[in-house]
């Protein structure tokens, strides 16, 4: 199953209701599970982004739908990246020879 990295920043709305953040995270995890994915890790970070999440989704369409659903809630703005594990990285690089 493909892995994705989500970089997120709280919106003003999300910060005003920050005490509800853990409950919202639980809801996001449940939603992703219902879509056939799995949330691996979440980190609160300091710097350009407030949160870094790592999750698996069955395909790019499910990953995009998940991020759009999060955005609709209005608590975070996200950037997403598809992540290739080391084994895939090695295969891709080896294919250049």
N, C-alpha and C. Protein backbone atom coordinates (compact mmCIF):
# COMPACT_ATOMS: atom_id res chain seq x y z
N UNK A 1 0.85 -1.17 0.00
CA UNK A 1 0.00 0.00 0.00
C UNK A 1 0.90 1.24 0.00
N UNK A 2 0.63 2.20 -0.87
CA UNK A 2 1.46 3.40 -0.93
C UNK A 2 1.43 4.20 0.37
N UNK A 3 2.54 4.86 0.63
CA UNK A 3 2.69 5.70 1.82
C UNK A 3 2.71 7.16 1.39
N UNK A 4 2.14 8.01 2.23
CA UNK A 4 2.06 9.44 1.97
C UNK A 4 2.52 10.22 3.19
N UNK A 5 3.10 11.38 2.94
CA UNK A 5 3.52 12.29 4.00
C UNK A 5 2.64 13.53 3.89
N UNK A 6 2.03 13.91 5.01
CA UNK A 6 1.18 15.09 5.05
C UNK A 6 1.86 16.13 5.93
N UNK A 7 2.05 17.32 5.39
CA UNK A 7 2.55 18.46 6.15
C UNK A 7 1.36 19.36 6.39
N UNK A 8 1.13 19.77 7.64
CA UNK A 8 -0.09 20.53 7.94
C UNK A 8 0.20 21.72 8.84
N UNK A 9 -0.60 22.74 8.65
CA UNK A 9 -0.61 23.91 9.52
C UNK A 9 -2.02 24.12 10.02
N UNK A 10 -2.14 24.48 11.30
CA UNK A 10 -3.44 24.80 11.86
C UNK A 10 -3.96 26.09 11.24
N UNK A 11 -5.23 26.14 11.01
CA UNK A 11 -5.89 27.38 10.60
C UNK A 11 -6.26 28.13 11.88
N UNK A 12 -6.74 29.35 11.73
CA UNK A 12 -7.22 30.09 12.90
C UNK A 12 -8.32 29.31 13.61
N UNK A 13 -9.21 28.72 12.84
CA UNK A 13 -10.29 27.90 13.41
C UNK A 13 -9.73 26.73 14.20
N UNK A 14 -8.74 26.06 13.62
CA UNK A 14 -8.13 24.91 14.29
C UNK A 14 -7.45 25.29 15.59
N UNK A 15 -6.80 26.45 15.61
CA UNK A 15 -6.14 26.90 16.83
C UNK A 15 -7.15 27.32 17.90
N UNK A 16 -8.23 27.96 17.49
CA UNK A 16 -9.24 28.36 18.48
C UNK A 16 -9.83 27.14 19.19
N UNK A 17 -9.89 26.02 18.49
CA UNK A 17 -10.45 24.80 19.05
C UNK A 17 -9.36 23.74 19.28
N UNK A 18 -8.15 24.18 19.62
CA UNK A 18 -7.03 23.25 19.73
C UNK A 18 -7.27 22.16 20.78
N UNK A 19 -8.04 22.46 21.81
CA UNK A 19 -8.32 21.46 22.84
C UNK A 19 -9.05 20.25 22.27
N UNK A 20 -9.75 20.44 21.15
CA UNK A 20 -10.45 19.34 20.49
C UNK A 20 -9.55 18.58 19.52
N UNK A 21 -8.29 19.00 19.39
CA UNK A 21 -7.37 18.40 18.42
C UNK A 21 -7.25 16.89 18.54
N UNK A 22 -7.03 16.34 19.73
CA UNK A 22 -6.91 14.88 19.83
C UNK A 22 -8.18 14.14 19.37
N UNK A 23 -9.33 14.70 19.67
CA UNK A 23 -10.58 14.09 19.22
C UNK A 23 -10.70 14.15 17.69
N UNK A 24 -10.28 15.28 17.12
CA UNK A 24 -10.31 15.41 15.66
C UNK A 24 -9.34 14.44 15.01
N UNK A 25 -8.17 14.25 15.62
CA UNK A 25 -7.21 13.28 15.10
C UNK A 25 -7.80 11.88 15.11
N UNK A 26 -8.45 11.52 16.20
CA UNK A 26 -9.08 10.19 16.27
C UNK A 26 -10.12 10.03 15.17
N UNK A 27 -10.88 11.09 14.91
CA UNK A 27 -11.88 11.04 13.84
C UNK A 27 -11.24 10.90 12.46
N UNK A 28 -10.12 11.60 12.24
CA UNK A 28 -9.41 11.50 10.96
C UNK A 28 -8.87 10.09 10.76
N UNK A 29 -8.32 9.52 11.82
CA UNK A 29 -7.80 8.14 11.72
C UNK A 29 -8.91 7.17 11.37
N UNK A 30 -10.06 7.33 12.02
CA UNK A 30 -11.20 6.45 11.75
C UNK A 30 -11.67 6.60 10.31
N UNK A 31 -11.75 7.84 9.83
CA UNK A 31 -12.16 8.08 8.45
C UNK A 31 -11.21 7.40 7.48
N UNK A 32 -9.92 7.54 7.71
CA UNK A 32 -8.95 6.92 6.81
C UNK A 32 -9.07 5.39 6.84
N UNK A 33 -9.27 4.81 8.02
CA UNK A 33 -9.46 3.36 8.13
C UNK A 33 -10.68 2.91 7.32
N UNK A 34 -11.76 3.69 7.40
CA UNK A 34 -12.98 3.37 6.64
C UNK A 34 -12.75 3.45 5.14
N UNK A 35 -11.76 4.23 4.73
CA UNK A 35 -11.42 4.36 3.32
C UNK A 35 -10.41 3.30 2.88
N UNK A 36 -10.02 2.43 3.79
CA UNK A 36 -9.08 1.36 3.46
C UNK A 36 -7.63 1.69 3.75
N UNK A 37 -7.37 2.82 4.40
CA UNK A 37 -6.01 3.23 4.70
C UNK A 37 -5.66 3.05 6.16
N UNK A 38 -4.51 3.56 6.52
CA UNK A 38 -4.02 3.43 7.90
C UNK A 38 -3.11 4.60 8.23
N UNK A 39 -3.37 5.25 9.34
CA UNK A 39 -2.53 6.35 9.80
C UNK A 39 -1.38 5.75 10.60
N UNK A 40 -0.16 5.97 10.17
CA UNK A 40 1.01 5.40 10.84
C UNK A 40 1.50 6.24 12.01
N UNK A 41 1.76 7.52 11.74
CA UNK A 41 2.38 8.39 12.74
C UNK A 41 1.87 9.82 12.59
N UNK A 42 1.88 10.54 13.69
CA UNK A 42 1.63 11.98 13.67
C UNK A 42 2.63 12.63 14.61
N UNK A 43 3.24 13.69 14.13
CA UNK A 43 4.19 14.46 14.94
C UNK A 43 3.76 15.91 14.97
N UNK A 44 3.75 16.51 16.14
CA UNK A 44 3.62 17.95 16.23
C UNK A 44 5.04 18.49 16.09
N UNK A 45 5.22 19.47 15.23
CA UNK A 45 6.56 19.94 14.93
C UNK A 45 6.67 21.45 15.16
N UNK A 46 7.89 21.92 15.26
CA UNK A 46 8.16 23.34 15.37
C UNK A 46 8.86 23.77 14.10
N UNK A 47 8.50 24.90 13.59
CA UNK A 47 9.10 25.38 12.35
C UNK A 47 8.02 25.73 11.35
N UNK A 48 8.28 25.47 10.09
CA UNK A 48 7.36 25.87 9.02
C UNK A 48 6.01 25.17 9.11
N UNK A 49 5.99 23.93 9.60
CA UNK A 49 4.75 23.16 9.67
C UNK A 49 4.45 22.81 11.13
N UNK A 50 3.15 22.75 11.44
CA UNK A 50 2.71 22.42 12.79
C UNK A 50 2.62 20.92 13.03
N UNK A 51 2.32 20.17 11.96
CA UNK A 51 2.12 18.74 12.08
C UNK A 51 2.74 18.02 10.88
N UNK A 52 3.24 16.82 11.13
CA UNK A 52 3.68 15.92 10.06
C UNK A 52 2.99 14.59 10.30
N UNK A 53 2.25 14.14 9.32
CA UNK A 53 1.58 12.85 9.41
C UNK A 53 2.08 11.91 8.35
N UNK A 54 2.14 10.65 8.69
CA UNK A 54 2.54 9.61 7.74
C UNK A 54 1.41 8.58 7.72
N UNK A 55 0.91 8.32 6.52
CA UNK A 55 -0.22 7.39 6.42
C UNK A 55 -0.14 6.58 5.14
N UNK A 56 -0.84 5.46 5.15
CA UNK A 56 -0.94 4.59 3.99
C UNK A 56 -2.36 4.69 3.44
N UNK A 57 -2.47 4.64 2.13
CA UNK A 57 -3.78 4.64 1.47
C UNK A 57 -3.71 3.66 0.30
N UNK A 58 -4.85 3.07 -0.06
CA UNK A 58 -4.84 2.10 -1.15
C UNK A 58 -4.32 2.64 -2.48
N UNK A 59 -4.56 3.94 -2.74
CA UNK A 59 -4.11 4.53 -4.00
C UNK A 59 -4.13 6.05 -3.88
N UNK A 60 -3.65 6.71 -4.92
CA UNK A 60 -3.57 8.17 -4.92
C UNK A 60 -4.94 8.83 -4.78
N UNK A 61 -5.97 8.24 -5.38
CA UNK A 61 -7.31 8.83 -5.31
C UNK A 61 -7.82 8.83 -3.87
N UNK A 62 -7.60 7.76 -3.14
CA UNK A 62 -8.03 7.70 -1.74
C UNK A 62 -7.23 8.69 -0.91
N UNK A 63 -5.93 8.78 -1.16
CA UNK A 63 -5.10 9.74 -0.43
C UNK A 63 -5.58 11.17 -0.68
N UNK A 64 -5.88 11.50 -1.91
CA UNK A 64 -6.37 12.84 -2.25
C UNK A 64 -7.72 13.10 -1.60
N UNK A 65 -8.59 12.12 -1.63
CA UNK A 65 -9.91 12.28 -1.02
C UNK A 65 -9.78 12.50 0.49
N UNK A 66 -8.89 11.78 1.12
CA UNK A 66 -8.67 11.94 2.56
C UNK A 66 -8.21 13.35 2.89
N UNK A 67 -7.25 13.86 2.15
CA UNK A 67 -6.72 15.21 2.39
C UNK A 67 -7.80 16.26 2.12
N UNK A 68 -8.60 16.06 1.09
CA UNK A 68 -9.69 17.00 0.80
C UNK A 68 -10.73 16.99 1.92
N UNK A 69 -11.04 15.82 2.44
CA UNK A 69 -11.98 15.74 3.56
C UNK A 69 -11.45 16.48 4.78
N UNK A 70 -10.16 16.33 5.05
CA UNK A 70 -9.56 17.07 6.18
C UNK A 70 -9.66 18.58 5.94
N UNK A 71 -9.36 18.99 4.73
CA UNK A 71 -9.43 20.41 4.40
C UNK A 71 -10.83 20.99 4.55
N UNK A 72 -11.84 20.21 4.19
CA UNK A 72 -13.21 20.67 4.30
C UNK A 72 -13.60 20.99 5.74
N UNK A 73 -12.98 20.33 6.69
CA UNK A 73 -13.30 20.56 8.10
C UNK A 73 -12.81 21.92 8.58
N UNK A 74 -11.79 22.48 7.89
CA UNK A 74 -11.34 23.83 8.16
C UNK A 74 -10.36 24.02 9.30
N UNK A 75 -9.83 22.94 9.85
CA UNK A 75 -8.92 23.06 10.99
C UNK A 75 -7.44 23.03 10.61
N UNK A 76 -7.14 22.47 9.45
CA UNK A 76 -5.75 22.42 8.97
C UNK A 76 -5.71 22.69 7.48
N UNK A 77 -4.56 23.18 7.04
CA UNK A 77 -4.24 23.28 5.62
C UNK A 77 -3.08 22.32 5.41
N UNK A 78 -3.14 21.55 4.35
CA UNK A 78 -2.15 20.49 4.17
C UNK A 78 -1.39 20.60 2.86
N UNK A 79 -0.24 19.96 2.86
CA UNK A 79 0.54 19.65 1.66
C UNK A 79 0.83 18.16 1.75
N UNK A 80 0.78 17.49 0.63
CA UNK A 80 0.96 16.04 0.65
C UNK A 80 2.03 15.62 -0.33
N UNK A 81 2.68 14.53 0.04
CA UNK A 81 3.71 13.96 -0.83
C UNK A 81 3.57 12.44 -0.80
N UNK A 82 3.75 11.83 -1.95
CA UNK A 82 3.81 10.38 -2.00
C UNK A 82 5.23 9.99 -1.62
N UNK A 83 5.35 8.98 -0.77
CA UNK A 83 6.67 8.55 -0.29
C UNK A 83 6.99 7.16 -0.85
N UNK A 84 8.21 7.01 -1.31
CA UNK A 84 8.67 5.73 -1.83
C UNK A 84 9.60 5.10 -0.80
N UNK A 85 9.34 3.87 -0.38
CA UNK A 85 10.23 3.22 0.58
C UNK A 85 11.59 2.92 -0.05
N UNK A 86 12.54 2.61 0.80
CA UNK A 86 13.91 2.38 0.33
C UNK A 86 13.97 1.33 -0.78
N UNK A 87 13.23 0.26 -0.64
CA UNK A 87 13.26 -0.79 -1.66
C UNK A 87 12.83 -0.25 -3.03
N UNK A 88 11.77 0.54 -3.06
CA UNK A 88 11.32 1.15 -4.32
C UNK A 88 12.34 2.14 -4.84
N UNK A 89 12.92 2.92 -3.95
CA UNK A 89 13.97 3.87 -4.34
C UNK A 89 15.10 3.12 -5.04
N UNK A 90 15.55 2.02 -4.45
CA UNK A 90 16.66 1.26 -5.05
C UNK A 90 16.28 0.72 -6.42
N UNK A 91 15.06 0.21 -6.57
CA UNK A 91 14.60 -0.32 -7.86
C UNK A 91 14.55 0.79 -8.91
N UNK A 92 14.05 1.94 -8.52
CA UNK A 92 13.95 3.07 -9.45
C UNK A 92 15.34 3.49 -9.92
N UNK A 93 16.26 3.63 -8.99
CA UNK A 93 17.63 4.05 -9.33
C UNK A 93 18.31 2.97 -10.17
N UNK A 94 18.14 1.69 -9.79
CA UNK A 94 18.74 0.60 -10.57
C UNK A 94 18.22 0.55 -11.99
N UNK A 95 16.97 0.98 -12.20
CA UNK A 95 16.40 0.94 -13.54
C UNK A 95 17.04 1.97 -14.47
N UNK A 96 17.81 2.87 -13.93
CA UNK A 96 18.48 3.90 -14.75
C UNK A 96 19.75 3.37 -15.42
N UNK A 97 20.17 2.23 -15.03
CA UNK A 97 21.43 1.67 -15.58
C UNK A 97 21.22 0.99 -16.89
